Amino acid sequence: MNESHITRYDVMPIPPVDEQTLWFDAGVLRIGVEYRLLNDAIAAASALEAATGDSKGVAGVEDRGVSIHVFGSAGGESLELLRFDCFEEDPHYHYISWHDKKNEMVHLDPIADGDPLAWTLERLRLRLPHMLERAGAPGVAEQVDQRAVDAVLPRLAEAAYRARYEHDDDTLLKGALRD
């Protein structure tokens, strides 16, 4: 099977900036909406650098867009299990397995998949337990209350589209580069 659309990392993704993330509780899940700027300086200052000791492999990064963070309880702590980066240049999503120390980034095709944010909201509505299982969190997947997810989706979608169109780059940059 050709998996050229998947990039595999042995480090976890850059964590969300909590102060810039709007959180929604949906049963066993906590789902965050954040508008992200990603550039060399942010990548170098992130947990990626802390995890690897350098910023090798992140040079030349310049992208932005809404990120949807899906957290669940794994091993007794709340961990990010899925992330949907609805970026302008390289939309993608992550399967994050803390148990296996694996972070798989799957690239979207905006021509075939359409608007990455609309695609993401549809995945949350129709495929969330399957994707959590694929991320290595079958226990969380079994506990998903789809009615709770469906109940927050309208507010989550509103927040995501608002973030897409009403963000402040200066505030985002300061938050991402904080000590």
N, C-alpha and C. Protein backbone atom coordinates (compact mmCIF):
# COMPACT_ATOMS: atom_id res chain seq x y z
N MET A 1 0.83 -1.18 0.00
CA MET A 1 0.00 0.00 0.00
C MET A 1 0.88 1.25 0.00
N ASN A 2 0.62 2.16 -0.90
CA ASN A 2 1.36 3.42 -0.98
C ASN A 2 0.87 4.36 0.11
N GLU A 3 1.78 4.75 0.99
CA GLU A 3 1.43 5.66 2.08
C GLU A 3 2.21 6.96 1.98
N SER A 4 2.42 7.45 0.75
CA SER A 4 3.20 8.67 0.55
C SER A 4 2.47 9.90 1.08
N HIS A 5 1.21 9.78 1.38
CA HIS A 5 0.45 10.90 1.94
C HIS A 5 0.58 10.99 3.45
N ILE A 6 1.35 10.08 4.06
CA ILE A 6 1.55 10.06 5.51
C ILE A 6 3.00 10.42 5.83
N THR A 7 3.19 11.36 6.75
CA THR A 7 4.51 11.69 7.26
C THR A 7 4.55 11.22 8.70
N ARG A 8 5.57 10.42 9.03
CA ARG A 8 5.66 9.85 10.38
C ARG A 8 6.75 10.57 11.17
N TYR A 9 6.41 10.88 12.43
CA TYR A 9 7.34 11.53 13.34
C TYR A 9 7.46 10.70 14.60
N ASP A 10 8.62 10.76 15.24
CA ASP A 10 8.78 10.10 16.54
C ASP A 10 8.74 11.12 17.67
N VAL A 11 8.27 12.32 17.37
CA VAL A 11 8.04 13.35 18.38
C VAL A 11 6.57 13.76 18.30
N MET A 12 6.06 14.24 19.41
CA MET A 12 4.66 14.65 19.46
C MET A 12 4.51 16.03 18.82
N PRO A 13 3.32 16.35 18.34
CA PRO A 13 3.12 17.64 17.67
C PRO A 13 3.21 18.82 18.64
N ILE A 14 3.37 20.00 18.09
CA ILE A 14 3.41 21.23 18.87
C ILE A 14 2.10 21.34 19.64
N PRO A 15 2.17 21.50 20.96
CA PRO A 15 0.92 21.55 21.75
C PRO A 15 0.11 22.81 21.46
N PRO A 16 -1.18 22.76 21.75
CA PRO A 16 -2.00 23.96 21.57
C PRO A 16 -1.60 25.05 22.56
N VAL A 17 -1.84 26.29 22.18
CA VAL A 17 -1.66 27.41 23.10
C VAL A 17 -2.99 27.54 23.84
N ASP A 18 -3.00 27.11 25.08
CA ASP A 18 -4.24 26.99 25.84
C ASP A 18 -5.02 28.30 25.90
N GLU A 19 -4.31 29.41 26.08
CA GLU A 19 -4.98 30.71 26.19
C GLU A 19 -5.65 31.14 24.88
N GLN A 20 -5.26 30.53 23.79
CA GLN A 20 -5.81 30.89 22.48
C GLN A 20 -6.73 29.80 21.93
N THR A 21 -7.10 28.86 22.80
CA THR A 21 -7.92 27.73 22.39
C THR A 21 -9.24 27.78 23.12
N LEU A 22 -10.32 27.65 22.38
CA LEU A 22 -11.66 27.58 22.95
C LEU A 22 -12.01 26.11 23.09
N TRP A 23 -12.33 25.68 24.32
CA TRP A 23 -12.53 24.26 24.61
C TRP A 23 -14.01 23.91 24.73
N PHE A 24 -14.36 22.71 24.25
CA PHE A 24 -15.71 22.17 24.32
C PHE A 24 -15.63 20.77 24.92
N ASP A 25 -16.42 20.51 25.95
CA ASP A 25 -16.48 19.18 26.54
C ASP A 25 -17.59 18.40 25.87
N ALA A 26 -17.26 17.16 25.47
CA ALA A 26 -18.22 16.29 24.78
C ALA A 26 -18.07 14.88 25.33
N GLY A 27 -18.70 14.62 26.47
CA GLY A 27 -18.56 13.31 27.11
C GLY A 27 -17.13 13.10 27.56
N VAL A 28 -16.50 12.01 27.12
CA VAL A 28 -15.13 11.70 27.53
C VAL A 28 -14.08 12.51 26.76
N LEU A 29 -14.54 13.31 25.81
CA LEU A 29 -13.62 14.09 24.98
C LEU A 29 -13.63 15.56 25.35
N ARG A 30 -12.51 16.19 25.10
CA ARG A 30 -12.40 17.65 25.17
C ARG A 30 -11.85 18.07 23.82
N ILE A 31 -12.60 18.94 23.14
CA ILE A 31 -12.24 19.34 21.78
C ILE A 31 -11.94 20.83 21.77
N GLY A 32 -10.77 21.20 21.25
CA GLY A 32 -10.35 22.59 21.23
C GLY A 32 -10.31 23.16 19.83
N VAL A 33 -10.62 24.44 19.73
CA VAL A 33 -10.54 25.19 18.47
C VAL A 33 -9.51 26.28 18.67
N GLU A 34 -8.52 26.30 17.80
CA GLU A 34 -7.43 27.28 17.89
C GLU A 34 -7.06 27.73 16.49
N TYR A 35 -6.84 29.03 16.32
CA TYR A 35 -6.26 29.51 15.06
C TYR A 35 -4.75 29.53 15.29
N ARG A 36 -4.00 28.91 14.38
CA ARG A 36 -2.55 28.78 14.55
C ARG A 36 -1.79 29.47 13.43
N LEU A 37 -0.72 30.08 13.83
CA LEU A 37 0.31 30.53 12.90
C LEU A 37 1.47 29.57 13.08
N LEU A 38 2.08 29.15 12.02
CA LEU A 38 3.23 28.26 12.12
C LEU A 38 4.31 28.79 11.20
N ASN A 39 5.44 29.13 11.80
CA ASN A 39 6.60 29.56 11.02
C ASN A 39 7.85 29.00 11.68
N ASP A 40 9.00 29.31 11.12
CA ASP A 40 10.26 28.77 11.66
C ASP A 40 10.47 29.13 13.12
N ALA A 41 10.20 30.38 13.49
CA ALA A 41 10.43 30.82 14.86
C ALA A 41 9.51 30.09 15.84
N ILE A 42 8.25 29.93 15.47
CA ILE A 42 7.31 29.23 16.34
C ILE A 42 7.69 27.76 16.46
N ALA A 43 8.02 27.14 15.33
CA ALA A 43 8.41 25.73 15.35
C ALA A 43 9.66 25.52 16.20
N ALA A 44 10.63 26.43 16.08
CA ALA A 44 11.88 26.30 16.84
C ALA A 44 11.64 26.50 18.33
N ALA A 45 10.68 27.33 18.69
CA ALA A 45 10.40 27.62 20.11
C ALA A 45 9.43 26.61 20.72
N SER A 46 8.96 25.70 19.95
CA SER A 46 7.91 24.78 20.39
C SER A 46 8.46 23.57 21.13
N ALA A 47 7.53 22.73 21.54
CA ALA A 47 7.89 21.46 22.17
C ALA A 47 8.65 20.56 21.21
N LEU A 48 8.49 20.76 19.90
CA LEU A 48 9.23 19.96 18.93
C LEU A 48 10.73 20.15 19.13
N GLU A 49 11.15 21.40 19.32
CA GLU A 49 12.56 21.65 19.58
C GLU A 49 12.97 21.05 20.91
N ALA A 50 12.14 21.21 21.93
CA ALA A 50 12.45 20.66 23.24
C ALA A 50 12.59 19.14 23.18
N ALA A 51 11.77 18.51 22.36
CA ALA A 51 11.79 17.05 22.28
C ALA A 51 13.01 16.54 21.52
N THR A 52 13.47 17.32 20.52
CA THR A 52 14.56 16.83 19.67
C THR A 52 15.89 17.50 19.96
N GLY A 53 15.85 18.64 20.65
CA GLY A 53 17.09 19.36 20.91
C GLY A 53 17.46 20.32 19.80
N ASP A 54 16.77 20.28 18.70
CA ASP A 54 17.00 21.25 17.62
C ASP A 54 15.72 21.38 16.82
N SER A 55 15.76 22.22 15.81
CA SER A 55 14.57 22.41 14.99
C SER A 55 14.76 21.81 13.60
N LYS A 56 15.67 20.86 13.49
CA LYS A 56 15.93 20.19 12.22
C LYS A 56 14.63 19.58 11.68
N GLY A 57 14.38 19.75 10.42
CA GLY A 57 13.19 19.18 9.81
C GLY A 57 12.00 20.12 9.81
N VAL A 58 12.13 21.31 10.44
CA VAL A 58 11.02 22.24 10.44
C VAL A 58 11.36 23.54 9.72
N ALA A 59 12.54 23.64 9.16
CA ALA A 59 12.93 24.86 8.47
C ALA A 59 12.04 25.09 7.25
N GLY A 60 11.74 26.34 7.00
CA GLY A 60 10.94 26.69 5.84
C GLY A 60 9.45 26.56 6.05
N VAL A 61 9.02 26.42 7.30
CA VAL A 61 7.61 26.29 7.61
C VAL A 61 6.96 27.66 7.58
N GLU A 62 5.83 27.78 6.89
CA GLU A 62 5.06 29.02 6.86
C GLU A 62 3.63 28.66 6.49
N ASP A 63 2.78 28.55 7.51
CA ASP A 63 1.40 28.18 7.26
C ASP A 63 0.52 28.72 8.37
N ARG A 64 -0.79 28.63 8.19
CA ARG A 64 -1.74 29.16 9.16
C ARG A 64 -3.09 28.53 8.92
N GLY A 65 -3.90 28.53 9.98
CA GLY A 65 -5.26 28.05 9.85
C GLY A 65 -5.82 27.55 11.16
N VAL A 66 -7.04 27.08 11.10
CA VAL A 66 -7.74 26.57 12.28
C VAL A 66 -7.23 25.16 12.59
N SER A 67 -6.97 24.92 13.87
CA SER A 67 -6.64 23.58 14.35
C SER A 67 -7.75 23.12 15.27
N ILE A 68 -8.16 21.88 15.10
CA ILE A 68 -9.13 21.24 15.98
C ILE A 68 -8.37 20.15 16.74
N HIS A 69 -8.33 20.28 18.07
CA HIS A 69 -7.60 19.35 18.93
C HIS A 69 -8.60 18.44 19.63
N VAL A 70 -8.40 17.13 19.53
CA VAL A 70 -9.28 16.17 20.20
C VAL A 70 -8.48 15.48 21.30
N PHE A 71 -8.88 15.74 22.54
CA PHE A 71 -8.23 15.17 23.71
C PHE A 71 -9.12 14.11 24.33
N GLY A 72 -8.50 13.09 24.88
CA GLY A 72 -9.20 12.05 25.62
C GLY A 72 -8.29 11.53 26.72
N SER A 73 -8.85 10.79 27.63
CA SER A 73 -8.08 10.25 28.75
C SER A 73 -7.42 8.94 28.31
N ALA A 74 -6.11 8.94 28.36
CA ALA A 74 -5.34 7.74 28.02
C ALA A 74 -4.29 7.55 29.10
N GLY A 75 -4.32 6.42 29.74
CA GLY A 75 -3.37 6.16 30.81
C GLY A 75 -3.58 7.07 32.02
N GLY A 76 -4.80 7.52 32.22
CA GLY A 76 -5.11 8.34 33.39
C GLY A 76 -4.87 9.83 33.22
N GLU A 77 -4.38 10.26 32.05
CA GLU A 77 -4.19 11.69 31.84
C GLU A 77 -4.82 12.13 30.53
N SER A 78 -5.16 13.39 30.45
CA SER A 78 -5.77 13.94 29.24
C SER A 78 -4.68 14.20 28.21
N LEU A 79 -4.80 13.54 27.05
CA LEU A 79 -3.80 13.65 25.99
C LEU A 79 -4.46 13.95 24.66
N GLU A 80 -3.75 14.68 23.82
CA GLU A 80 -4.24 14.93 22.46
C GLU A 80 -4.07 13.64 21.65
N LEU A 81 -5.17 13.18 21.06
CA LEU A 81 -5.17 11.93 20.30
C LEU A 81 -5.32 12.16 18.80
N LEU A 82 -6.04 13.22 18.46
CA LEU A 82 -6.23 13.60 17.06
C LEU A 82 -6.06 15.11 16.95
N ARG A 83 -5.53 15.55 15.83
CA ARG A 83 -5.49 16.98 15.53
C ARG A 83 -5.76 17.15 14.05
N PHE A 84 -6.61 18.11 13.77
CA PHE A 84 -6.93 18.47 12.40
C PHE A 84 -6.41 19.87 12.17
N ASP A 85 -5.37 20.01 11.34
CA ASP A 85 -4.80 21.31 11.01
C ASP A 85 -5.35 21.75 9.65
N CYS A 86 -6.35 22.60 9.70
CA CYS A 86 -7.04 23.08 8.50
C CYS A 86 -6.28 24.26 7.94
N PHE A 87 -5.04 24.03 7.57
CA PHE A 87 -4.13 25.08 7.15
C PHE A 87 -4.37 25.48 5.71
N GLU A 88 -3.90 26.69 5.39
CA GLU A 88 -4.08 27.23 4.04
C GLU A 88 -3.21 26.51 3.02
N GLU A 89 -1.95 26.26 3.36
CA GLU A 89 -1.00 25.68 2.40
C GLU A 89 -0.96 24.16 2.43
N ASP A 90 -0.94 23.58 3.61
CA ASP A 90 -0.79 22.13 3.75
C ASP A 90 -1.79 21.60 4.78
N PRO A 91 -3.06 21.49 4.40
CA PRO A 91 -4.02 20.95 5.35
C PRO A 91 -3.72 19.47 5.62
N HIS A 92 -3.84 19.09 6.89
CA HIS A 92 -3.51 17.71 7.26
C HIS A 92 -4.14 17.41 8.62
N TYR A 93 -4.04 16.16 9.02
CA TYR A 93 -4.48 15.78 10.36
C TYR A 93 -3.47 14.80 10.93
N HIS A 94 -3.52 14.67 12.26
CA HIS A 94 -2.57 13.83 12.98
C HIS A 94 -3.28 12.72 13.73
N TYR A 95 -2.73 11.51 13.65
CA TYR A 95 -3.05 10.42 14.56
C TYR A 95 -1.92 10.42 15.58
N ILE A 96 -2.25 10.63 16.86
CA ILE A 96 -1.22 10.78 17.89
C ILE A 96 -1.34 9.62 18.87
N SER A 97 -0.32 8.77 18.89
CA SER A 97 -0.30 7.63 19.80
C SER A 97 0.78 7.86 20.85
N TRP A 98 0.37 8.23 22.05
CA TRP A 98 1.32 8.47 23.13
C TRP A 98 1.92 7.15 23.60
N HIS A 99 1.16 6.09 23.58
CA HIS A 99 1.66 4.77 24.00
C HIS A 99 2.81 4.33 23.11
N ASP A 100 2.65 4.50 21.80
CA ASP A 100 3.68 4.09 20.85
C ASP A 100 4.67 5.19 20.52
N LYS A 101 4.48 6.39 21.12
CA LYS A 101 5.34 7.56 20.82
C LYS A 101 5.38 7.80 19.31
N LYS A 102 4.18 7.85 18.72
CA LYS A 102 4.04 7.97 17.28
C LYS A 102 3.12 9.13 16.95
N ASN A 103 3.48 9.88 15.94
CA ASN A 103 2.70 11.00 15.46
C ASN A 103 2.67 10.90 13.94
N GLU A 104 1.53 10.49 13.40
CA GLU A 104 1.41 10.34 11.95
C GLU A 104 0.59 11.49 11.39
N MET A 105 1.19 12.22 10.47
CA MET A 105 0.53 13.35 9.83
C MET A 105 0.04 12.91 8.45
N VAL A 106 -1.26 13.00 8.24
CA VAL A 106 -1.87 12.58 6.98
C VAL A 106 -2.27 13.83 6.20
N HIS A 107 -1.71 13.98 5.01
CA HIS A 107 -1.97 15.16 4.19
C HIS A 107 -3.31 15.03 3.47
N LEU A 108 -4.05 16.14 3.45
CA LEU A 108 -5.31 16.19 2.73
C LEU A 108 -5.08 16.71 1.32
N ASP A 109 -5.97 16.34 0.44
CA ASP A 109 -5.99 16.87 -0.93
C ASP A 109 -7.16 17.83 -1.00
N PRO A 110 -6.90 19.15 -0.94
CA PRO A 110 -8.01 20.11 -0.93
C PRO A 110 -8.88 20.06 -2.19
N ILE A 111 -8.33 19.55 -3.27
CA ILE A 111 -9.14 19.41 -4.49
C ILE A 111 -10.16 18.28 -4.29
N ALA A 112 -9.70 17.13 -3.85
CA ALA A 112 -10.60 15.98 -3.67
C ALA A 112 -11.44 16.10 -2.40
N ASP A 113 -10.83 16.62 -1.32
CA ASP A 113 -11.51 16.64 -0.03
C ASP A 113 -12.30 17.93 0.22
N GLY A 114 -12.07 18.96 -0.57
CA GLY A 114 -12.77 20.22 -0.39
C GLY A 114 -12.19 21.02 0.76
N ASP A 115 -13.01 21.90 1.31
CA ASP A 115 -12.60 22.76 2.41
C ASP A 115 -12.17 21.90 3.61
N PRO A 116 -10.93 22.04 4.07
CA PRO A 116 -10.45 21.18 5.15
C PRO A 116 -11.24 21.35 6.45
N LEU A 117 -11.76 22.54 6.71
CA LEU A 117 -12.54 22.73 7.94
C LEU A 117 -13.88 22.01 7.85
N ALA A 118 -14.56 22.13 6.72
CA ALA A 118 -15.83 21.41 6.53
C ALA A 118 -15.58 19.90 6.57
N TRP A 119 -14.49 19.45 5.96
CA TRP A 119 -14.13 18.03 5.97
C TRP A 119 -13.92 17.55 7.40
N THR A 120 -13.20 18.35 8.20
CA THR A 120 -12.92 17.99 9.60
C THR A 120 -14.21 17.87 10.40
N LEU A 121 -15.09 18.83 10.28
CA LEU A 121 -16.35 18.80 11.02
C LEU A 121 -17.16 17.56 10.65
N GLU A 122 -17.11 17.18 9.40
CA GLU A 122 -17.80 15.97 8.95
C GLU A 122 -17.16 14.72 9.57
N ARG A 123 -15.83 14.69 9.67
CA ARG A 123 -15.15 13.55 10.31
C ARG A 123 -15.55 13.45 11.79
N LEU A 124 -15.65 14.58 12.47
CA LEU A 124 -16.06 14.56 13.87
C LEU A 124 -17.47 14.01 14.02
N ARG A 125 -18.30 14.28 13.04
CA ARG A 125 -19.69 13.82 13.09
C ARG A 125 -19.84 12.35 12.71
N LEU A 126 -19.02 11.89 11.76
CA LEU A 126 -19.24 10.55 11.19
C LEU A 126 -18.16 9.51 11.49
N ARG A 127 -16.93 9.93 11.76
CA ARG A 127 -15.82 8.96 11.82
C ARG A 127 -14.98 9.03 13.09
N LEU A 128 -15.38 9.81 14.07
CA LEU A 128 -14.55 10.07 15.23
C LEU A 128 -14.12 8.80 15.98
N PRO A 129 -15.03 7.89 16.36
CA PRO A 129 -14.57 6.69 17.06
C PRO A 129 -13.58 5.86 16.23
N HIS A 130 -13.80 5.76 14.93
CA HIS A 130 -12.89 5.00 14.06
C HIS A 130 -11.50 5.63 14.04
N MET A 131 -11.48 6.95 13.99
CA MET A 131 -10.19 7.65 13.94
C MET A 131 -9.46 7.55 15.28
N LEU A 132 -10.20 7.60 16.39
CA LEU A 132 -9.58 7.44 17.71
C LEU A 132 -8.98 6.04 17.86
N GLU A 133 -9.69 5.06 17.35
CA GLU A 133 -9.16 3.70 17.39
C GLU A 133 -7.88 3.61 16.57
N ARG A 134 -7.88 4.20 15.38
CA ARG A 134 -6.69 4.21 14.51
C ARG A 134 -5.52 4.92 15.18
N ALA A 135 -5.84 5.92 16.04
CA ALA A 135 -4.80 6.67 16.75
C ALA A 135 -4.22 5.88 17.92
N GLY A 136 -4.77 4.70 18.18
CA GLY A 136 -4.25 3.88 19.28
C GLY A 136 -4.98 4.10 20.59
N ALA A 137 -6.21 4.60 20.53
CA ALA A 137 -6.99 4.84 21.74
C ALA A 137 -8.34 4.12 21.65
N PRO A 138 -8.32 2.77 21.54
CA PRO A 138 -9.58 2.04 21.41
C PRO A 138 -10.49 2.20 22.62
N GLY A 139 -9.92 2.34 23.82
CA GLY A 139 -10.74 2.53 25.01
C GLY A 139 -11.51 3.83 24.96
N VAL A 140 -10.87 4.88 24.50
CA VAL A 140 -11.54 6.18 24.34
C VAL A 140 -12.60 6.06 23.25
N ALA A 141 -12.24 5.41 22.15
CA ALA A 141 -13.18 5.25 21.02
C ALA A 141 -14.47 4.57 21.47
N GLU A 142 -14.33 3.55 22.31
CA GLU A 142 -15.51 2.82 22.79
C GLU A 142 -16.40 3.68 23.68
N GLN A 143 -15.82 4.68 24.33
CA GLN A 143 -16.57 5.51 25.27
C GLN A 143 -17.15 6.78 24.64
N VAL A 144 -16.87 7.02 23.35
CA VAL A 144 -17.38 8.24 22.71
C VAL A 144 -18.90 8.25 22.76
N ASP A 145 -19.44 9.34 23.24
CA ASP A 145 -20.88 9.58 23.23
C ASP A 145 -21.15 10.51 22.05
N GLN A 146 -21.55 9.92 20.92
CA GLN A 146 -21.72 10.71 19.72
C GLN A 146 -22.79 11.79 19.89
N ARG A 147 -23.78 11.53 20.74
CA ARG A 147 -24.80 12.56 21.00
C ARG A 147 -24.17 13.78 21.67
N ALA A 148 -23.21 13.57 22.57
CA ALA A 148 -22.52 14.68 23.23
C ALA A 148 -21.66 15.45 22.21
N VAL A 149 -21.01 14.71 21.31
CA VAL A 149 -20.21 15.35 20.26
C VAL A 149 -21.14 16.15 19.35
N ASP A 150 -22.23 15.53 18.91
CA ASP A 150 -23.18 16.22 18.02
C ASP A 150 -23.75 17.47 18.68
N ALA A 151 -23.93 17.43 20.00
CA ALA A 151 -24.50 18.59 20.71
C ALA A 151 -23.56 19.79 20.70
N VAL A 152 -22.24 19.55 20.73
CA VAL A 152 -21.31 20.68 20.73
C VAL A 152 -20.89 21.10 19.32
N LEU A 153 -21.14 20.27 18.32
CA LEU A 153 -20.67 20.58 16.96
C LEU A 153 -21.15 21.92 16.42
N PRO A 154 -22.40 22.33 16.61
CA PRO A 154 -22.79 23.65 16.08
C PRO A 154 -21.98 24.80 16.69
N ARG A 155 -21.75 24.77 18.01
CA ARG A 155 -20.96 25.82 18.64
C ARG A 155 -19.49 25.71 18.25
N LEU A 156 -18.99 24.49 18.14
CA LEU A 156 -17.62 24.26 17.73
C LEU A 156 -17.40 24.78 16.31
N ALA A 157 -18.33 24.48 15.41
CA ALA A 157 -18.23 24.95 14.02
C ALA A 157 -18.25 26.47 13.97
N GLU A 158 -19.14 27.08 14.74
CA GLU A 158 -19.22 28.54 14.77
C GLU A 158 -17.89 29.13 15.25
N ALA A 159 -17.33 28.57 16.30
CA ALA A 159 -16.05 29.04 16.83
C ALA A 159 -14.93 28.86 15.81
N ALA A 160 -14.93 27.74 15.10
CA ALA A 160 -13.89 27.47 14.11
C ALA A 160 -13.96 28.45 12.94
N TYR A 161 -15.15 28.70 12.43
CA TYR A 161 -15.27 29.64 11.31
C TYR A 161 -14.98 31.06 11.77
N ARG A 162 -15.37 31.41 12.99
CA ARG A 162 -15.05 32.73 13.53
C ARG A 162 -13.53 32.87 13.66
N ALA A 163 -12.86 31.84 14.16
CA ALA A 163 -11.40 31.88 14.29
C ALA A 163 -10.74 32.04 12.92
N ARG A 164 -11.29 31.38 11.93
CA ARG A 164 -10.72 31.47 10.58
C ARG A 164 -10.74 32.90 10.06
N TYR A 165 -11.80 33.63 10.34
CA TYR A 165 -11.98 34.95 9.74
C TYR A 165 -11.72 36.12 10.69
N GLU A 166 -11.64 35.88 12.00
CA GLU A 166 -11.54 36.99 12.95
C GLU A 166 -10.36 36.85 13.90
N HIS A 167 -9.24 36.34 13.45
CA HIS A 167 -8.08 36.17 14.32
C HIS A 167 -7.18 37.41 14.26
N ASP A 168 -6.33 37.55 15.27
CA ASP A 168 -5.37 38.65 15.35
C ASP A 168 -3.96 38.05 15.32
N ASP A 169 -3.27 38.23 14.21
CA ASP A 169 -1.95 37.62 14.03
C ASP A 169 -0.96 38.02 15.11
N ASP A 170 -0.94 39.28 15.52
CA ASP A 170 0.03 39.73 16.53
C ASP A 170 -0.18 39.01 17.86
N THR A 171 -1.42 38.89 18.29
CA THR A 171 -1.73 38.19 19.54
C THR A 171 -1.34 36.71 19.43
N LEU A 172 -1.65 36.10 18.29
CA LEU A 172 -1.31 34.69 18.09
C LEU A 172 0.20 34.48 18.12
N LEU A 173 0.94 35.35 17.48
CA LEU A 173 2.38 35.22 17.44
C LEU A 173 2.99 35.37 18.83
N LYS A 174 2.52 36.35 19.59
CA LYS A 174 3.02 36.53 20.96
C LYS A 174 2.72 35.30 21.81
N GLY A 175 1.52 34.75 21.70
CA GLY A 175 1.15 33.58 22.48
C GLY A 175 1.97 32.36 22.12
N ALA A 176 2.25 32.20 20.83
CA ALA A 176 3.00 31.03 20.37
C ALA A 176 4.48 31.11 20.75
N LEU A 177 5.00 32.32 20.89
CA LEU A 177 6.42 32.50 21.19
C LEU A 177 6.69 32.77 22.67
N ARG A 178 5.67 32.60 23.50
CA ARG A 178 5.84 32.87 24.93
C ARG A 178 6.87 31.92 25.53
N ASP A 179 7.44 32.35 26.63
CA ASP A 179 8.45 31.50 27.31
C ASP A 179 7.78 30.39 28.04
